[in-house]
Structure formats: C-alpha cells, structure tokens
Amino acid sequence: YPPTDAPAMDATPPPESLRLSWVYGFRGYDTRRTALWSSADDGFVVYTAAALVVRYNCDKHAQAHFKEHTDDVLGLTVHRGRGLVASAQKSFREGGRMRKPTI
C-alpha cells in the first residue's frame, strides 16, 4: 500500500557537496614501492589509494590529495632531492590516446 500523507517528490540536488577530508587505506596488494618517504628530512609519506595519491605529513597528522587520475594508480616514484612525485595509473585509451604519467 502507498504511504499516507507522503511528501511530494523533490528531484533537485541538495545544496551541499561532498569533499574528501581523509583517506583510510592503502593499495598494496598488487603493487610494489607505492608507499615512499619523500625525503628523510621533511617527514612526508606518499602512497596510493585507488585513483588517489596521498601525501601524509607525519608531524602535523595531515593529508593532501592528488585527485587527477581517472583509474587506479599502480606506479609511484619520488625525487628526494627536488621534492617531486610522479605517478602513473592503469593504462587505457582516452579519446584515442594513451594517458601519460602525471608529475
């Protein structure tokens, strides 16, 4: 039976939006070297979680997130002297072209 005095259907989206605040977890079951210290001096750990690259500040217990990947991140490297991080996702064709690693 249908409910009595049901509110009218409203299909408009809510005014709020979702925002990533913290990443719990790590993708390590099928990858190697995807959790790295950025350098011995700065106290940052860089790791992957699904299509994200997470930079964790151990001193401040804070995270920064790189969210530009469109598929799982399987490769990660760090240039400790310059503070650069490069990541690569699963290979797929986007618009007829292969995606390149992101730095």
N, C-alpha and C. Protein backbone atom coordinates (compact mmCIF):
# COMPACT_ATOMS: atom_id res chain seq x y z
N TYR A 1 0.84 -1.18 0.00
CA TYR A 1 0.00 0.00 0.00
C TYR A 1 0.88 1.24 0.00
N PRO A 2 0.48 2.30 -0.71
CA PRO A 2 1.27 3.54 -0.70
C PRO A 2 1.14 4.23 0.65
N PRO A 3 2.18 4.98 1.04
CA PRO A 3 2.11 5.69 2.32
C PRO A 3 1.05 6.78 2.29
N THR A 4 0.48 7.05 3.44
CA THR A 4 -0.48 8.14 3.54
C THR A 4 0.26 9.43 3.88
N ASP A 5 -0.17 10.52 3.33
CA ASP A 5 0.44 11.84 3.57
C ASP A 5 1.93 11.86 3.26
N ALA A 6 2.34 11.22 2.18
CA ALA A 6 3.76 11.22 1.77
C ALA A 6 4.14 12.60 1.24
N PRO A 7 5.37 13.06 1.51
CA PRO A 7 5.78 14.36 0.99
C PRO A 7 5.92 14.29 -0.53
N ALA A 8 5.82 15.44 -1.16
CA ALA A 8 5.96 15.50 -2.62
C ALA A 8 7.40 15.16 -3.01
N MET A 9 7.55 14.53 -4.16
CA MET A 9 8.88 14.18 -4.66
C MET A 9 9.64 15.45 -5.05
N ASP A 10 10.88 15.56 -4.62
CA ASP A 10 11.73 16.70 -4.96
C ASP A 10 13.02 16.14 -5.54
N ALA A 11 13.25 16.35 -6.83
CA ALA A 11 14.42 15.79 -7.52
C ALA A 11 15.59 16.76 -7.58
N THR A 12 15.49 17.93 -6.97
CA THR A 12 16.61 18.88 -7.00
C THR A 12 17.72 18.38 -6.08
N PRO A 13 18.97 18.55 -6.50
CA PRO A 13 20.08 18.09 -5.66
C PRO A 13 20.20 18.96 -4.41
N PRO A 14 20.75 18.41 -3.36
CA PRO A 14 20.92 19.21 -2.13
C PRO A 14 21.97 20.29 -2.35
N PRO A 15 21.95 21.35 -1.56
CA PRO A 15 22.91 22.44 -1.74
C PRO A 15 24.33 22.04 -1.33
N GLU A 16 24.48 21.01 -0.53
CA GLU A 16 25.79 20.59 -0.07
C GLU A 16 26.48 19.75 -1.14
N SER A 17 27.79 19.68 -1.06
CA SER A 17 28.54 18.80 -1.94
C SER A 17 29.54 18.02 -1.08
N LEU A 18 30.00 16.91 -1.61
CA LEU A 18 30.96 16.08 -0.89
C LEU A 18 32.37 16.62 -1.06
N ARG A 19 33.16 16.50 -0.02
CA ARG A 19 34.55 16.94 -0.05
C ARG A 19 35.38 15.87 0.64
N LEU A 20 36.46 15.47 0.00
CA LEU A 20 37.35 14.47 0.57
C LEU A 20 38.13 15.09 1.73
N SER A 21 38.02 14.49 2.90
CA SER A 21 38.75 15.04 4.04
C SER A 21 39.87 14.11 4.51
N TRP A 22 39.70 12.79 4.38
CA TRP A 22 40.73 11.86 4.85
C TRP A 22 40.63 10.56 4.07
N VAL A 23 41.78 9.97 3.78
CA VAL A 23 41.83 8.68 3.09
C VAL A 23 42.27 7.63 4.09
N TYR A 24 41.45 6.60 4.21
CA TYR A 24 41.78 5.44 5.04
C TYR A 24 42.08 4.29 4.10
N GLY A 25 43.24 3.70 4.22
CA GLY A 25 43.57 2.56 3.39
C GLY A 25 44.74 2.83 2.48
N PHE A 26 45.19 1.76 1.84
CA PHE A 26 46.38 1.80 1.00
C PHE A 26 46.27 0.67 -0.01
N ARG A 27 46.60 0.95 -1.25
CA ARG A 27 46.59 -0.11 -2.26
C ARG A 27 47.98 -0.73 -2.30
N GLY A 28 48.11 -1.93 -1.80
CA GLY A 28 49.40 -2.58 -1.79
C GLY A 28 49.37 -4.03 -2.19
N TYR A 29 48.19 -4.56 -2.46
CA TYR A 29 48.11 -6.00 -2.72
C TYR A 29 48.68 -6.39 -4.07
N ASP A 30 48.72 -5.51 -5.05
CA ASP A 30 49.24 -5.88 -6.37
C ASP A 30 50.25 -4.86 -6.89
N THR A 31 50.83 -4.06 -6.01
CA THR A 31 51.81 -3.05 -6.41
C THR A 31 53.06 -3.19 -5.56
N ARG A 32 54.13 -2.58 -6.04
CA ARG A 32 55.38 -2.54 -5.27
C ARG A 32 55.85 -1.09 -5.22
N ARG A 33 56.43 -0.71 -4.10
CA ARG A 33 57.00 0.62 -3.92
C ARG A 33 55.98 1.73 -4.17
N THR A 34 54.79 1.59 -3.62
CA THR A 34 53.80 2.66 -3.75
C THR A 34 53.49 3.30 -2.40
N ALA A 35 54.40 3.14 -1.45
CA ALA A 35 54.39 3.90 -0.19
C ALA A 35 55.83 4.30 0.06
N LEU A 36 56.13 5.58 -0.10
CA LEU A 36 57.51 6.05 -0.09
C LEU A 36 57.67 7.27 0.81
N TRP A 37 58.83 7.38 1.47
CA TRP A 37 59.20 8.63 2.15
C TRP A 37 59.60 9.62 1.09
N SER A 38 59.13 10.85 1.18
CA SER A 38 59.53 11.84 0.18
C SER A 38 60.98 12.27 0.39
N SER A 39 61.43 12.34 1.64
CA SER A 39 62.85 12.51 1.98
C SER A 39 62.98 12.25 3.47
N ALA A 40 64.18 12.05 3.89
CA ALA A 40 64.41 11.75 5.31
C ALA A 40 64.17 12.95 6.20
N ASP A 41 64.24 14.16 5.63
CA ASP A 41 64.18 15.38 6.44
C ASP A 41 62.79 15.97 6.60
N ASP A 42 61.90 15.80 5.62
CA ASP A 42 60.65 16.55 5.67
C ASP A 42 59.50 15.83 6.35
N GLY A 43 59.58 14.53 6.60
CA GLY A 43 58.54 13.83 7.34
C GLY A 43 57.27 13.55 6.57
N PHE A 44 57.35 13.45 5.24
CA PHE A 44 56.18 13.15 4.42
C PHE A 44 56.25 11.72 3.90
N VAL A 45 55.11 11.06 3.90
CA VAL A 45 54.97 9.75 3.26
C VAL A 45 54.00 9.94 2.10
N VAL A 46 54.34 9.39 0.95
CA VAL A 46 53.49 9.46 -0.23
C VAL A 46 53.05 8.03 -0.55
N TYR A 47 51.74 7.84 -0.75
CA TYR A 47 51.24 6.49 -1.05
C TYR A 47 49.99 6.58 -1.92
N THR A 48 49.59 5.43 -2.45
CA THR A 48 48.43 5.38 -3.34
C THR A 48 47.25 4.71 -2.64
N ALA A 49 46.07 5.11 -3.04
CA ALA A 49 44.83 4.50 -2.57
C ALA A 49 43.82 4.64 -3.71
N ALA A 50 43.58 3.55 -4.41
CA ALA A 50 42.69 3.54 -5.58
C ALA A 50 43.22 4.53 -6.61
N ALA A 51 42.43 5.53 -7.01
CA ALA A 51 42.85 6.50 -8.02
C ALA A 51 43.44 7.76 -7.39
N LEU A 52 43.82 7.70 -6.13
CA LEU A 52 44.37 8.86 -5.42
C LEU A 52 45.84 8.67 -5.10
N VAL A 53 46.55 9.79 -5.02
CA VAL A 53 47.89 9.81 -4.44
C VAL A 53 47.78 10.67 -3.18
N VAL A 54 48.20 10.11 -2.06
CA VAL A 54 48.08 10.77 -0.76
C VAL A 54 49.46 11.18 -0.28
N ARG A 55 49.58 12.43 0.17
CA ARG A 55 50.81 12.91 0.80
C ARG A 55 50.49 13.16 2.26
N TYR A 56 51.08 12.34 3.12
CA TYR A 56 50.79 12.40 4.55
C TYR A 56 51.93 13.10 5.29
N ASN A 57 51.59 14.13 6.04
CA ASN A 57 52.54 14.85 6.87
C ASN A 57 52.52 14.21 8.25
N CYS A 58 53.59 13.49 8.57
CA CYS A 58 53.64 12.77 9.85
C CYS A 58 53.68 13.71 11.05
N ASP A 59 54.32 14.86 10.92
CA ASP A 59 54.44 15.79 12.04
C ASP A 59 53.11 16.47 12.37
N LYS A 60 52.34 16.84 11.35
CA LYS A 60 51.09 17.56 11.56
C LYS A 60 49.86 16.66 11.49
N HIS A 61 50.05 15.38 11.19
CA HIS A 61 48.95 14.43 11.02
C HIS A 61 47.90 15.01 10.07
N ALA A 62 48.39 15.36 8.85
CA ALA A 62 47.53 15.96 7.83
C ALA A 62 47.80 15.31 6.49
N GLN A 63 46.80 15.31 5.63
CA GLN A 63 46.93 14.73 4.30
C GLN A 63 46.65 15.78 3.23
N ALA A 64 47.31 15.60 2.09
CA ALA A 64 47.00 16.33 0.86
C ALA A 64 46.73 15.27 -0.19
N HIS A 65 45.80 15.54 -1.10
CA HIS A 65 45.35 14.53 -2.06
C HIS A 65 45.51 15.01 -3.49
N PHE A 66 46.10 14.16 -4.33
CA PHE A 66 46.15 14.40 -5.77
C PHE A 66 45.03 13.57 -6.38
N LYS A 67 44.05 14.25 -7.01
CA LYS A 67 42.83 13.59 -7.46
C LYS A 67 42.64 13.63 -8.98
N GLU A 68 43.70 13.79 -9.74
CA GLU A 68 43.57 13.94 -11.19
C GLU A 68 43.55 12.62 -11.95
N HIS A 69 43.84 11.52 -11.30
CA HIS A 69 43.81 10.23 -12.00
C HIS A 69 42.36 9.78 -12.22
N THR A 70 42.15 9.03 -13.30
CA THR A 70 40.82 8.53 -13.62
C THR A 70 40.70 7.03 -13.44
N ASP A 71 41.78 6.36 -13.03
CA ASP A 71 41.77 4.92 -12.77
C ASP A 71 42.81 4.63 -11.69
N ASP A 72 42.91 3.38 -11.27
CA ASP A 72 43.81 3.02 -10.17
C ASP A 72 45.26 3.40 -10.46
N VAL A 73 45.93 3.95 -9.45
CA VAL A 73 47.33 4.32 -9.55
C VAL A 73 48.17 3.09 -9.22
N LEU A 74 49.02 2.68 -10.15
CA LEU A 74 49.84 1.48 -9.97
C LEU A 74 51.33 1.79 -9.89
N GLY A 75 51.73 3.01 -10.21
CA GLY A 75 53.14 3.37 -10.17
C GLY A 75 53.35 4.67 -9.44
N LEU A 76 54.44 4.74 -8.67
CA LEU A 76 54.74 5.93 -7.88
C LEU A 76 56.23 6.01 -7.68
N THR A 77 56.79 7.20 -7.83
CA THR A 77 58.20 7.41 -7.55
C THR A 77 58.39 8.82 -6.99
N VAL A 78 59.48 9.01 -6.26
CA VAL A 78 59.77 10.29 -5.62
C VAL A 78 61.20 10.69 -5.94
N HIS A 79 61.40 11.95 -6.34
CA HIS A 79 62.74 12.51 -6.48
C HIS A 79 63.02 13.25 -5.18
N ARG A 80 63.81 12.63 -4.33
CA ARG A 80 64.00 13.17 -2.98
C ARG A 80 64.76 14.49 -2.97
N GLY A 81 65.64 14.71 -3.92
CA GLY A 81 66.41 15.94 -3.95
C GLY A 81 65.59 17.16 -4.34
N ARG A 82 64.56 16.97 -5.16
CA ARG A 82 63.77 18.10 -5.65
C ARG A 82 62.35 18.12 -5.09
N GLY A 83 61.97 17.09 -4.35
CA GLY A 83 60.62 17.07 -3.78
C GLY A 83 59.53 16.81 -4.80
N LEU A 84 59.86 16.13 -5.90
CA LEU A 84 58.87 15.83 -6.93
C LEU A 84 58.33 14.42 -6.76
N VAL A 85 57.06 14.26 -7.11
CA VAL A 85 56.41 12.96 -7.09
C VAL A 85 55.82 12.72 -8.48
N ALA A 86 56.04 11.52 -9.02
CA ALA A 86 55.43 11.15 -10.30
C ALA A 86 54.59 9.91 -10.06
N SER A 87 53.41 9.87 -10.67
CA SER A 87 52.51 8.73 -10.50
C SER A 87 51.97 8.32 -11.86
N ALA A 88 51.62 7.04 -11.96
CA ALA A 88 51.07 6.52 -13.21
C ALA A 88 49.89 5.62 -12.89
N GLN A 89 48.85 5.74 -13.68
CA GLN A 89 47.65 4.94 -13.47
C GLN A 89 47.62 3.78 -14.46
N LYS A 90 46.60 2.94 -14.31
CA LYS A 90 46.39 1.86 -15.26
C LYS A 90 46.33 2.44 -16.67
N SER A 91 46.88 1.71 -17.62
CA SER A 91 46.90 2.19 -19.00
C SER A 91 45.56 1.97 -19.66
N PHE A 92 45.04 3.01 -20.27
CA PHE A 92 43.82 2.89 -21.05
C PHE A 92 43.81 3.99 -22.09
N ARG A 93 42.96 3.84 -23.05
CA ARG A 93 42.87 4.84 -24.11
C ARG A 93 41.77 5.84 -23.79
N GLU A 94 42.11 7.12 -23.89
CA GLU A 94 41.15 8.18 -23.64
C GLU A 94 41.13 9.06 -24.88
N GLY A 95 40.04 9.03 -25.59
CA GLY A 95 39.94 9.82 -26.81
C GLY A 95 40.91 9.36 -27.88
N GLY A 96 41.25 8.04 -27.88
CA GLY A 96 42.17 7.51 -28.88
C GLY A 96 43.62 7.66 -28.54
N ARG A 97 43.95 8.28 -27.39
CA ARG A 97 45.35 8.48 -26.99
C ARG A 97 45.61 7.80 -25.66
N MET A 98 46.83 7.33 -25.46
CA MET A 98 47.21 6.76 -24.17
C MET A 98 47.49 7.89 -23.20
N ARG A 99 47.05 7.72 -21.95
CA ARG A 99 47.34 8.73 -20.92
C ARG A 99 48.80 8.63 -20.51
N LYS A 100 49.38 9.75 -20.18
CA LYS A 100 50.79 9.82 -19.77
C LYS A 100 50.89 9.86 -18.25
N PRO A 101 52.06 9.48 -17.68
CA PRO A 101 52.24 9.65 -16.23
C PRO A 101 52.07 11.11 -15.83
N THR A 102 51.70 11.34 -14.61
CA THR A 102 51.43 12.68 -14.10
C THR A 102 52.50 13.04 -13.08
N ILE A 103 53.06 14.25 -13.19
CA ILE A 103 54.08 14.71 -12.26
C ILE A 103 53.55 15.92 -11.51
